[in-house]
Protein backbone atom coordinates (compact mmCIF):
# COMPACT_ATOMS: atom_id res chain seq x y z
CA UNK A 1 -14.16 -27.47 -21.37
CA UNK A 2 -12.08 -24.34 -21.56
CA UNK A 3 -8.44 -24.53 -21.35
CA UNK A 4 -5.92 -22.18 -21.32
CA UNK A 5 -3.66 -24.54 -23.22
CA UNK A 6 -5.97 -24.00 -26.36
CA UNK A 7 -6.71 -20.16 -26.01
CA UNK A 8 -3.19 -18.63 -25.13
CA UNK A 9 -1.22 -16.96 -27.78
CA UNK A 10 2.32 -14.99 -27.43
CA UNK A 11 0.30 -11.64 -27.13
CA UNK A 12 -1.29 -13.00 -23.93
CA UNK A 13 2.05 -14.79 -22.81
CA UNK A 14 3.95 -11.42 -23.07
CA UNK A 15 0.92 -9.64 -21.34
CA UNK A 16 0.92 -11.92 -18.14
CA UNK A 17 5.01 -11.56 -17.75
CA UNK A 18 4.24 -7.73 -17.51
CA UNK A 19 4.70 -6.38 -13.97
CA UNK A 20 2.26 -5.04 -11.54
CA UNK A 21 0.66 -5.28 -8.47
CA UNK A 22 -1.11 -8.60 -6.82
CA UNK A 23 -3.58 -6.01 -4.97
CA UNK A 24 -3.73 -7.60 -1.75
CA UNK A 25 -4.60 -3.98 -1.11
CA UNK A 26 -4.99 -0.57 -3.21
CA UNK A 27 -2.77 1.42 -3.06
CA UNK A 28 -0.20 -1.32 -2.71
CA UNK A 29 2.76 -1.33 0.04
CA UNK A 30 5.03 0.70 -2.21
CA UNK A 31 3.19 4.00 -2.22
CA UNK A 32 2.69 3.88 1.89
CA UNK A 33 4.36 6.43 3.78
CA UNK A 34 6.50 6.61 6.90
CA UNK A 35 5.07 10.12 7.61
CA UNK A 36 1.82 7.96 9.09
CA UNK A 37 2.60 6.87 12.55
CA UNK A 38 1.11 6.09 15.80
CA UNK A 39 -0.89 9.06 16.40
CA UNK A 40 -2.72 8.36 13.00
CA UNK A 41 -2.95 4.79 14.05
CA UNK A 42 -4.64 5.94 17.11
CA UNK A 43 -7.08 8.62 15.52
CA UNK A 44 -8.22 5.82 12.77
CA UNK A 45 -9.17 3.38 15.93
CA UNK A 46 -10.94 5.99 17.23
CA UNK A 47 -12.55 6.93 13.95
CA UNK A 48 -13.48 3.16 13.81
CA UNK A 49 -14.55 2.52 17.32
CA UNK A 50 -18.07 3.83 16.90
CA UNK A 51 -19.19 0.90 14.49
CA UNK A 52 -16.75 -1.63 15.99
CA UNK A 53 -19.46 -4.17 17.15
CA UNK A 54 -21.26 -4.15 13.88
CA UNK A 55 -17.87 -4.43 11.90
CA UNK A 56 -16.30 -7.96 10.58
CA UNK A 57 -13.02 -7.59 11.71
CA UNK A 58 -9.75 -9.97 11.24
CA UNK A 59 -6.47 -10.38 13.14
CA UNK A 60 -3.34 -11.42 11.69
CA UNK A 61 -0.39 -12.40 14.01
CA UNK A 62 2.96 -12.26 12.86
CA UNK A 63 5.42 -14.85 14.37
CA UNK A 64 9.12 -14.29 12.77
CA UNK A 65 11.21 -16.66 13.63
CA UNK A 66 12.26 -19.93 11.74
CA UNK A 67 14.63 -22.41 12.75
CA UNK A 68 16.57 -22.65 9.16
CA UNK A 69 16.57 -20.21 5.99
CA UNK A 70 14.57 -21.42 3.02
CA UNK A 71 16.57 -19.68 0.22
CA UNK A 72 13.23 -18.93 -1.65
CA UNK A 73 11.75 -17.04 1.41
CA UNK A 74 10.98 -13.43 0.94
CA UNK A 75 8.98 -13.24 4.11
CA UNK A 76 10.07 -11.23 7.39
CA UNK A 77 11.80 -13.99 8.95
CA UNK A 78 14.65 -14.25 11.55
CA UNK A 79 16.42 -17.45 11.89
CA UNK A 80 17.54 -18.48 15.37
CA UNK A 81 17.19 -21.70 17.47
CA UNK A 82 18.02 -19.66 20.96
CA UNK A 83 14.79 -20.53 22.72
CA UNK A 84 15.36 -17.92 25.22
CA UNK A 85 15.58 -15.03 22.60
CA UNK A 86 12.43 -16.18 20.95
CA UNK A 87 10.51 -16.40 24.27
CA UNK A 88 12.20 -12.96 24.82
CA UNK A 89 10.52 -11.35 21.61
CA UNK A 90 7.48 -13.69 22.46
CA UNK A 91 6.56 -11.54 25.68
CA UNK A 92 6.46 -8.58 23.40
CA UNK A 93 4.04 -10.09 21.17
CA UNK A 94 1.59 -10.71 23.86
CA UNK A 95 1.93 -6.96 25.32
CA UNK A 96 0.89 -5.76 21.86
CA UNK A 97 -2.16 -7.77 22.00
CA UNK A 98 -3.32 -6.29 25.06
CA UNK A 99 -2.21 -2.95 23.91
CA UNK A 100 -4.78 -3.31 21.25
CA UNK A 101 -7.77 -4.35 23.26
CA UNK A 102 -6.95 -2.43 26.01
CA UNK A 103 -7.22 0.68 24.04
CA UNK A 104 -10.89 -0.36 23.19
CA UNK A 105 -11.75 -0.90 26.57
CA UNK A 106 -10.77 2.28 27.69
CA UNK A 107 -13.40 3.78 25.34
CA UNK A 108 -16.04 1.29 26.29
CA UNK A 109 -15.85 -0.88 23.01
CA UNK A 110 -15.59 -4.45 22.45
CA UNK A 111 -13.63 -5.25 19.25
CA UNK A 112 -15.25 -7.88 17.50
CA UNK A 113 -13.05 -10.18 15.82
CA UNK A 114 -14.57 -12.83 13.36
CA UNK A 115 -11.39 -14.41 11.79
CA UNK A 116 -7.87 -14.77 13.21
CA UNK A 117 -4.71 -15.93 10.74
CA UNK A 118 -1.33 -16.70 12.84
CA UNK A 119 1.36 -16.58 9.98
CA UNK A 120 5.32 -15.87 10.05
CA UNK A 121 7.66 -16.80 9.96
CA UNK A 122 6.95 -20.27 11.32
CA UNK A 123 3.97 -20.29 13.83
CA UNK A 124 4.33 -23.95 14.34
CA UNK A 125 8.31 -23.25 15.49
CA UNK A 126 6.32 -22.04 18.65
CA UNK A 127 6.47 -24.54 21.58
CA UNK A 128 3.41 -25.95 22.73
CA UNK A 129 3.37 -23.86 25.60
CA UNK A 130 4.27 -20.60 23.79
CA UNK A 131 1.14 -21.57 21.41
CA UNK A 132 -1.27 -22.31 24.22
CA UNK A 133 -0.11 -18.92 26.10
CA UNK A 134 -0.74 -17.05 23.12
CA UNK A 135 -4.30 -18.47 22.19
CA UNK A 136 -5.06 -18.23 26.03
CA UNK A 137 -4.09 -14.58 25.74
CA UNK A 138 -6.27 -13.87 22.94
CA UNK A 139 -9.32 -15.67 24.98
CA UNK A 140 -8.90 -12.86 27.33
CA UNK A 141 -10.32 -10.30 24.60
CA UNK A 142 -11.98 -12.50 21.97
CA UNK A 143 -14.53 -15.73 22.18
CA UNK A 144 -12.24 -18.16 20.14
CA UNK A 145 -15.12 -20.69 19.94
CA UNK A 146 -17.14 -18.12 17.85
CA UNK A 147 -14.66 -17.32 15.47
CA UNK A 148 -15.50 -18.07 11.62
CA UNK A 149 -12.02 -19.09 11.10
CA UNK A 150 -9.01 -19.47 13.00
CA UNK A 151 -6.01 -20.44 10.59
CA UNK A 152 -2.55 -21.22 11.61
CA UNK A 153 0.75 -21.74 8.98
CA UNK A 154 2.25 -25.12 9.95
CA UNK A 155 5.84 -25.76 8.49
CA UNK A 156 5.01 -29.89 7.94
CA UNK A 157 8.65 -30.28 9.43
CA UNK A 158 7.61 -29.00 12.80
CA UNK A 159 4.10 -30.42 12.29
CA UNK A 160 3.99 -33.05 15.09
CA UNK A 161 0.75 -34.72 15.74
CA UNK A 162 0.76 -33.54 19.11
CA UNK A 163 0.93 -30.17 18.00
CA UNK A 164 -1.82 -30.44 15.47
CA UNK A 165 -3.84 -31.84 18.06
CA UNK A 166 -3.02 -29.21 20.39
CA UNK A 167 -3.99 -26.65 17.63
CA UNK A 168 -7.46 -27.96 17.43
CA UNK A 169 -8.18 -28.16 21.54
CA UNK A 170 -7.11 -24.74 21.13
CA UNK A 171 -9.73 -23.58 18.63
CA UNK A 172 -7.56 -23.44 15.51
CA UNK A 173 -10.20 -24.85 12.75
CA UNK A 174 -7.92 -24.50 9.64
CA UNK A 175 -4.02 -25.01 8.74
CA UNK A 176 -1.66 -24.03 5.86
CA UNK A 177 1.29 -25.96 4.76
CA UNK A 178 3.86 -24.46 2.60
CA UNK A 179 4.60 -27.48 0.32
CA UNK A 180 6.44 -25.40 -2.42
CA UNK A 181 7.38 -28.06 -4.78
CA UNK A 182 7.89 -32.09 -4.63
CA UNK A 183 10.94 -32.85 -6.73
CA UNK A 184 13.56 -33.58 -4.13
CA UNK A 185 16.26 -32.07 -6.23
CA UNK A 186 14.78 -28.75 -6.03
CA UNK A 187 13.65 -28.99 -2.18
CA UNK A 188 17.49 -29.66 -1.69
CA UNK A 189 18.26 -26.45 -3.82
CA UNK A 190 16.17 -24.26 -1.75
CA UNK A 191 17.10 -25.94 1.39
CA UNK A 192 13.26 -27.38 2.09
CA UNK A 193 13.18 -31.08 2.00
CA UNK A 194 9.68 -32.76 2.78
CA UNK A 195 8.92 -35.68 0.54
CA UNK A 196 5.42 -36.51 -0.71
CA UNK A 197 5.30 -39.52 1.53
CA UNK A 198 6.26 -37.80 4.53
CA UNK A 199 3.21 -35.34 3.74
CA UNK A 200 1.00 -38.22 3.08
CA UNK A 201 1.95 -39.81 6.30
CA UNK A 202 1.44 -36.84 8.05
CA UNK A 203 -2.23 -36.13 6.85
CA UNK A 204 -3.79 -38.88 8.07
CA UNK A 205 -7.85 -39.49 8.31
CA UNK A 206 -7.50 -38.45 11.94
CA UNK A 207 -5.48 -35.41 11.36
CA UNK A 208 -7.68 -34.13 8.42
CA UNK A 209 -10.81 -34.62 10.81
CA UNK A 210 -9.47 -32.20 13.15
CA UNK A 211 -9.98 -29.33 10.85
CA UNK A 212 -12.51 -27.42 8.69
CA UNK A 213 -10.07 -27.28 6.03
CA UNK A 214 -6.35 -27.92 4.84
CA UNK A 215 -4.73 -25.43 2.55
CA UNK A 216 -1.40 -25.96 0.62
CA UNK A 217 1.23 -22.97 -0.64
CA UNK A 218 3.05 -23.88 -3.86
CA UNK A 219 5.60 -22.01 -5.72
CA UNK A 220 6.62 -21.82 -9.33
CA UNK A 221 9.46 -20.33 -11.20
CA UNK A 222 11.91 -22.00 -8.59
CA UNK A 223 15.46 -22.94 -9.69
CA UNK A 224 15.62 -26.39 -11.60
CA UNK A 225 11.59 -26.39 -12.17
CA UNK A 226 10.65 -27.19 -15.41
CA UNK A 227 6.90 -27.52 -17.01
CA UNK A 228 6.93 -31.20 -17.05
CA UNK A 229 8.16 -31.50 -13.13
CA UNK A 230 5.90 -28.70 -12.07
CA UNK A 231 2.97 -30.75 -13.20
CA UNK A 232 4.07 -33.61 -11.77
CA UNK A 233 3.98 -31.55 -8.35
CA UNK A 234 0.45 -30.49 -9.14
CA UNK A 235 -0.64 -34.02 -9.53
CA UNK A 236 0.90 -34.91 -6.28
CA UNK A 237 -0.98 -31.88 -4.23
CA UNK A 238 -4.04 -33.28 -5.92
CA UNK A 239 -3.56 -36.65 -4.64
CA UNK A 240 -3.08 -35.58 -1.10
CA UNK A 241 -6.61 -33.19 -1.87
CA UNK A 242 -6.06 -29.75 0.25
CA UNK A 243 -9.22 -27.83 0.32
CA UNK A 244 -7.39 -24.75 -0.87
CA UNK A 245 -4.07 -24.12 -3.13
CA UNK A 246 -2.54 -20.61 -3.34
CA UNK A 247 -0.19 -20.80 -6.34
CA UNK A 248 2.44 -18.05 -6.04
CA UNK A 249 5.17 -16.92 -8.33
CA UNK A 250 9.08 -17.26 -6.65
CA UNK A 251 10.56 -13.59 -7.06
CA UNK A 252 14.19 -14.20 -7.52
CA UNK A 253 15.36 -11.00 -6.12
CA UNK A 254 18.83 -11.31 -4.36
CA UNK A 255 19.78 -7.70 -4.43
CA UNK A 256 16.86 -7.49 -1.82
CA UNK A 257 17.15 -10.95 -0.05
CA UNK A 258 20.74 -11.86 0.06
CA UNK A 259 20.43 -15.39 1.05
CA UNK A 260 18.78 -15.77 -2.74
CA UNK A 261 22.26 -15.41 -4.09
CA UNK A 262 23.10 -19.00 -3.25
CA UNK A 263 20.27 -19.77 -6.03
CA UNK A 264 22.09 -18.40 -8.57
CA UNK A 265 24.07 -21.24 -9.35
CA UNK A 266 21.22 -23.12 -10.78
CA UNK A 267 18.97 -23.02 -13.84
CA UNK A 268 16.11 -20.64 -13.52
CA UNK A 269 13.18 -20.84 -15.69
CA UNK A 270 12.48 -17.93 -17.87
CA UNK A 271 9.21 -15.94 -18.24
CA UNK A 272 7.95 -17.82 -20.89
CA UNK A 273 8.40 -20.99 -19.04
CA UNK A 274 6.92 -19.73 -15.87
CA UNK A 275 3.97 -18.34 -17.46
CA UNK A 276 2.97 -21.73 -18.67
CA UNK A 277 3.79 -23.51 -14.81
CA UNK A 278 1.07 -20.86 -14.33
CA UNK A 279 -1.53 -21.72 -16.95
CA UNK A 280 -0.90 -25.65 -16.94
CA UNK A 281 -1.54 -25.46 -13.03
CA UNK A 282 -5.09 -23.72 -13.58
CA UNK A 283 -6.16 -26.06 -16.08
CA UNK A 284 -4.99 -29.01 -14.20
CA UNK A 285 -6.93 -28.01 -10.91
CA UNK A 286 -9.93 -27.31 -13.13
CA UNK A 287 -10.17 -30.39 -14.53
CA UNK A 288 -9.73 -32.28 -11.11
CA UNK A 289 -12.57 -30.26 -9.31
CA UNK A 290 -10.58 -27.31 -7.91
CA UNK A 291 -12.51 -24.00 -8.81
CA UNK A 292 -10.00 -21.27 -9.73
CA UNK A 293 -10.89 -18.40 -7.15
CA UNK A 294 -9.00 -15.44 -8.52
CA UNK A 295 -5.42 -14.66 -9.40
CA UNK A 296 -3.47 -17.52 -7.49
CA UNK A 297 -6.02 -19.41 -5.23
CA UNK A 298 -7.84 -22.56 -5.99
CA UNK A 299 -10.76 -24.22 -3.60
CA UNK A 300 -12.56 -27.42 -3.81
CA UNK A 301 -16.31 -26.92 -4.35
CA UNK A 302 -17.44 -27.62 -0.78
CA UNK A 303 -14.99 -24.95 0.41
CA UNK A 304 -16.75 -21.77 1.44
CA UNK A 305 -14.38 -19.90 -0.90
CA UNK A 306 -16.53 -21.35 -3.89
CA UNK A 307 -19.89 -20.40 -2.28
CA UNK A 308 -18.95 -17.02 -1.37
CA UNK A 309 -17.35 -16.52 -5.07
CA UNK A 310 -20.82 -17.82 -6.38
CA UNK A 311 -22.57 -15.36 -4.21
CA UNK A 312 -20.24 -12.20 -5.37
CA UNK A 313 -19.10 -12.27 -1.49
CA UNK A 314 -15.56 -12.55 -1.94
CA UNK A 315 -13.08 -10.22 -0.21
CA UNK A 316 -9.43 -9.34 -1.22
CA UNK A 317 -7.12 -8.94 1.88
CA UNK A 318 -3.17 -8.97 2.78
CA UNK A 319 -3.46 -12.66 3.48
CA UNK A 320 -5.49 -13.72 0.25
CA UNK A 321 -9.20 -14.41 -0.72
CA UNK A 322 -11.37 -14.63 1.97
CA UNK A 323 -15.01 -15.46 2.33
CA UNK A 324 -16.66 -12.07 2.36
CA UNK A 325 -16.88 -11.54 6.21
CA UNK A 326 -13.64 -9.11 6.52
CA UNK A 327 -14.12 -5.49 6.07
CA UNK A 328 -11.16 -4.58 7.91
CA UNK A 329 -7.99 -6.09 9.17
CA UNK A 330 -5.83 -5.60 12.37
CA UNK A 331 -2.10 -6.85 12.63
CA UNK A 332 -0.03 -8.01 15.65
CA UNK A 333 3.62 -8.62 15.24
CA UNK A 334 6.67 -7.14 13.43
CA UNK A 335 5.90 -5.79 9.67
CA UNK A 336 2.20 -6.93 10.00
CA UNK A 337 -0.32 -4.70 7.63
CA UNK A 338 -3.44 -3.21 8.63
CA UNK A 339 -6.51 -1.92 7.19
CA UNK A 340 -8.87 0.17 8.76
CA UNK A 341 -11.51 1.70 6.62
CA UNK A 342 -9.80 4.54 4.51
CA UNK A 343 -6.61 3.57 6.23
CA UNK A 344 -3.59 1.21 5.71
CA UNK A 345 -0.94 0.96 8.14
CA UNK A 346 2.14 -1.44 8.56
CA UNK A 347 3.74 -2.41 12.04
CA UNK A 348 7.55 -1.80 12.29
CA UNK A 349 9.80 -4.62 10.39
CA UNK A 350 12.73 -4.43 12.30
CA UNK A 351 12.86 -6.47 15.61
CA UNK A 352 14.98 -3.93 17.50
CA UNK A 353 12.81 -1.01 16.72
CA UNK A 354 9.59 -3.22 17.56
CA UNK A 355 10.52 -4.31 20.77
CA UNK A 356 11.67 -0.78 21.89
CA UNK A 357 8.39 0.60 20.68
CA UNK A 358 6.44 -1.96 22.83
CA UNK A 359 8.70 -1.01 25.82
CA UNK A 360 7.67 2.52 25.44
CA UNK A 361 4.01 1.49 25.24
CA UNK A 362 3.61 2.74 21.72
CA UNK A 363 1.89 1.15 18.76
CA UNK A 364 4.55 -0.07 16.72
CA UNK A 365 3.45 1.72 13.34
CA UNK A 366 6.32 2.04 10.77
CA UNK A 367 4.46 3.48 7.82
CA UNK A 368 1.22 3.58 6.25
CA UNK A 369 -1.63 5.41 3.98
CA UNK A 370 -4.70 7.57 4.37
CA UNK A 371 -6.93 7.22 1.33
CA UNK A 372 -8.55 9.80 -0.67
CA UNK A 373 -12.05 9.96 -2.09
CA UNK A 374 -10.26 8.75 -5.56
CA UNK A 375 -8.49 6.04 -3.94
CA UNK A 376 -11.36 4.50 -2.42
CA UNK A 377 -13.40 4.73 -5.79
CA UNK A 378 -10.41 2.88 -7.44
CA UNK A 379 -10.23 0.35 -4.44
CA UNK A 380 -13.64 -0.36 -5.31
CA UNK A 381 -13.42 -1.05 -8.64
CA UNK A 382 -10.11 -3.06 -8.48
CA UNK A 383 -12.09 -5.34 -5.92
CA UNK A 384 -14.97 -5.89 -7.97
CA UNK A 385 -12.71 -7.02 -10.83
CA UNK A 386 -10.86 -9.10 -8.69
CA UNK A 387 -13.44 -10.64 -6.46
CA UNK A 388 -16.60 -10.76 -8.96
CA UNK A 389 -15.05 -10.77 -12.13
CA UNK A 390 -17.06 -8.12 -13.23
CA UNK A 391 -17.73 -4.29 -12.73
CA UNK A 392 -21.16 -2.40 -12.91
CA UNK A 393 -20.64 1.06 -14.05
CA UNK A 394 -24.06 2.00 -12.27
CA UNK A 395 -23.20 0.67 -8.83
CA UNK A 396 -20.07 2.48 -8.68
CA UNK A 397 -21.80 5.82 -10.32
CA UNK A 398 -24.59 5.32 -7.17
CA UNK A 399 -22.27 4.94 -4.45
CA UNK A 400 -19.59 7.27 -5.23
CA UNK A 401 -21.88 9.95 -6.97
CA UNK A 402 -20.04 9.92 -10.47
CA UNK A 403 -20.18 9.79 -14.20
CA UNK A 404 -18.43 6.52 -14.45
CA UNK A 405 -17.87 7.27 -17.98
CA UNK A 406 -16.61 10.50 -17.70
CA UNK A 407 -14.57 9.75 -14.59
CA UNK A 408 -12.49 6.72 -16.53
CA UNK A 409 -13.00 8.16 -19.93
CA UNK A 410 -9.29 7.08 -20.13
CA UNK A 411 -9.48 3.70 -18.46
CA UNK A 412 -12.20 2.84 -20.40
CA UNK A 413 -10.50 3.43 -23.75
CA UNK A 414 -7.19 1.21 -22.39
CA UNK A 415 -9.71 -1.57 -21.61
CA UNK A 416 -10.20 -2.12 -25.44
CA UNK A 417 -7.26 -3.72 -25.47
CA UNK A 418 -8.40 -6.42 -23.18
CA UNK A 419 -11.86 -6.70 -25.08
CA UNK A 420 -9.83 -7.75 -28.47
CA UNK A 421 -7.89 -10.21 -26.61
CA UNK A 422 -11.42 -11.55 -25.62
CA UNK A 423 -10.43 -11.47 -21.94
CA UNK A 424 -13.02 -9.22 -21.35
CA UNK A 425 -16.20 -7.91 -22.98
CA UNK A 426 -18.68 -4.87 -22.47
CA UNK A 427 -22.42 -4.79 -22.23
CA UNK A 428 -25.03 -2.70 -21.38
CA UNK A 429 -24.18 -2.77 -17.56
CA UNK A 430 -20.24 -2.56 -17.60
CA UNK A 431 -17.21 -4.85 -17.70
CA UNK A 432 -17.48 -8.66 -17.92
CA UNK A 433 -14.45 -10.91 -17.74
CA UNK A 434 -14.41 -14.32 -19.97
CA UNK A 435 -13.08 -17.85 -19.08
CA UNK A 436 -9.70 -16.44 -20.41
CA UNK A 437 -9.91 -13.09 -18.11
CA UNK A 438 -9.49 -15.27 -15.22
CA UNK A 439 -5.96 -15.53 -15.80
CA UNK A 440 -5.54 -12.00 -16.11
CA UNK A 441 -7.55 -10.07 -13.69
CA UNK A 442 -4.49 -8.17 -11.96
CA UNK A 443 -3.55 -6.95 -15.55
CA UNK A 444 -6.86 -5.38 -15.97
CA UNK A 445 -6.78 -3.65 -12.35
CA UNK A 446 -3.65 -2.25 -13.56
CA UNK A 447 -5.71 -0.05 -15.73
CA UNK A 448 -7.63 1.52 -12.79
CA UNK A 449 -4.31 1.91 -10.71
CA UNK A 450 -3.35 5.53 -11.22
CA UNK A 451 -0.16 5.21 -9.42
CA UNK A 452 1.11 2.05 -11.90
CA UNK A 453 0.05 4.52 -14.43
CA UNK A 454 1.88 7.48 -13.25
CA UNK A 455 5.04 5.52 -12.38
CA UNK A 456 5.21 2.08 -13.68
CA UNK A 457 8.48 1.50 -11.88
CA UNK A 458 6.94 2.04 -8.38
CA UNK A 459 8.44 -0.49 -5.96
CA UNK A 460 6.33 -3.78 -5.41
CA UNK A 461 7.00 -5.19 -2.23
CA UNK A 462 5.43 -8.38 -2.06
CA UNK A 463 1.77 -9.46 -0.87
CA UNK A 464 0.61 -8.27 2.31
CA UNK A 465 2.77 -9.53 5.61
CA UNK A 466 5.41 -10.86 3.61
CA UNK A 467 8.12 -8.45 2.59
CA UNK A 468 11.57 -8.13 3.75
CA UNK A 469 14.07 -10.48 6.08
CA UNK A 470 14.14 -9.35 9.67
CA UNK A 471 17.24 -9.70 12.25
CA UNK A 472 17.36 -10.16 16.07
C-alpha cells in the first residue's frame, strides 16, 4: 500500500510548504476588485435567469455571531452575547433572503436550489426560535424536502440534543463540527475546550441516526502541537467515525487577526513539522477506510463524495468539495462569496455597512470579478486537476477551441518538474497525477494560475467564506 511516509523527500516537503492558493475559486479572492458592485450582480442574475430552472445552484448563508473568541479563527465573526443585537442583525439576514428570491419572482423565474449550507460564525449559537424562523423563511421560496443536502455547522458546545433534533425536524440532513484538536492544553491555549469524552457522549446512536452524515473539521499547525500529539488526535477522530473530515492548516497571521497575538507565547510547529502533520494524517485515514477526496477532504467509502470522485463528478466550491450537483453558488449574509457562471461576488464584510445596504433595499455586494475567456479556460484546467486528478488536453481543446500545446506551452514545460518528482506523468491524452500527486494538487494548479505566475505575492485571504473578523 502506498504511503507518503515511505515516498517523501526533502525536495517534496519544501515544495509542499511553498505558498499558494487552495483554489476554492479561480482566480482567488485576492484578485477580486471593489469596482464590481450591485449593478454588476443584478446583470449577472439576469443573465443567469434564462437557464435558472435547469441549473443546480447552492445557497450559502453566513451567520457571523459567536459567544466567545477562538484564538485560531480567521472567519468572519462578531463576538457578542447580546441577544437583542444578534436578533436585530437576524432580521436583516431574513430581508436579504427575500430580496434575492423576489428578484427572481419579479422576472417570472423560480430559482432552483439543490443544496444549502448554513455557516459562520456559529450557526448553532442561534436560538431554536431563530433557527426555526430562518428555515421557515427559506421554505417560503425553496422546497426544503427536495434538497440534495442541507448542512449546518455546529459548535459542539452549543449542540444540545434538543437543537439537534430540531435541526432534523427542520430538514437539515448533515451537520459539521469544529473539532480542531483533542489535546487539552492545546484546546485551552486556543480557547476552545471540548473533550473527546464530551463529543463521544454527544454523538449517540440516536443523534447519528438523525442525519445523512456528520463532518469534522480538524486543524493542524496549532500552537503546542507535535507530530505525535496530532496523530493521537487523528486516532481519536477515527474512533468517533465521522463520515467526512476536513483537514485545514492553521494560518498564524496576528498582523491581520489581532486576537492571534495571544498565541505568540506558545511554541509553534515549524513548516517541516506541519507538512508531516498533513501527510501523517493522510496515511492514517487511508489505512482506516477514509478516502482522500482531494487537498484537505476525506470521506468514508459509503459517502457520496467517494461515489462522485469515482465518477469524475466532484465540484470544488467555496465550501469545499461537493458531490457534483453545484454549478453555481449564491450567498446570503456578510462576507458570503458567490459564483454565477462567469462572475464572482462577495457580500460586504463589515456588519454596519451590510445593514446599511439591506436597509436601502440594495444587494450588499462589496467586490467581485468578471472572468475573461482565458480565466474560464484556466479555471476549467484547475478544476479538472483538483477534482479528477487528471487533465485531458483534447477535452479542453474541443470545449474552448484552442491548441492546448500552443496555448499552454510554458505551463507544459513547467510541469516537467513535477514529472521528475513522480508527482504526475504525461501520456498520449494529457496529464495524470500519481498517488504521490494527491498531496500536491494545488501546487500543480499553480502552474496554470496566471496571477500567481505574474505576482507570486498576491494576497491569499483564506478559503471561501472565511476571511476577516467583523465588528458590530
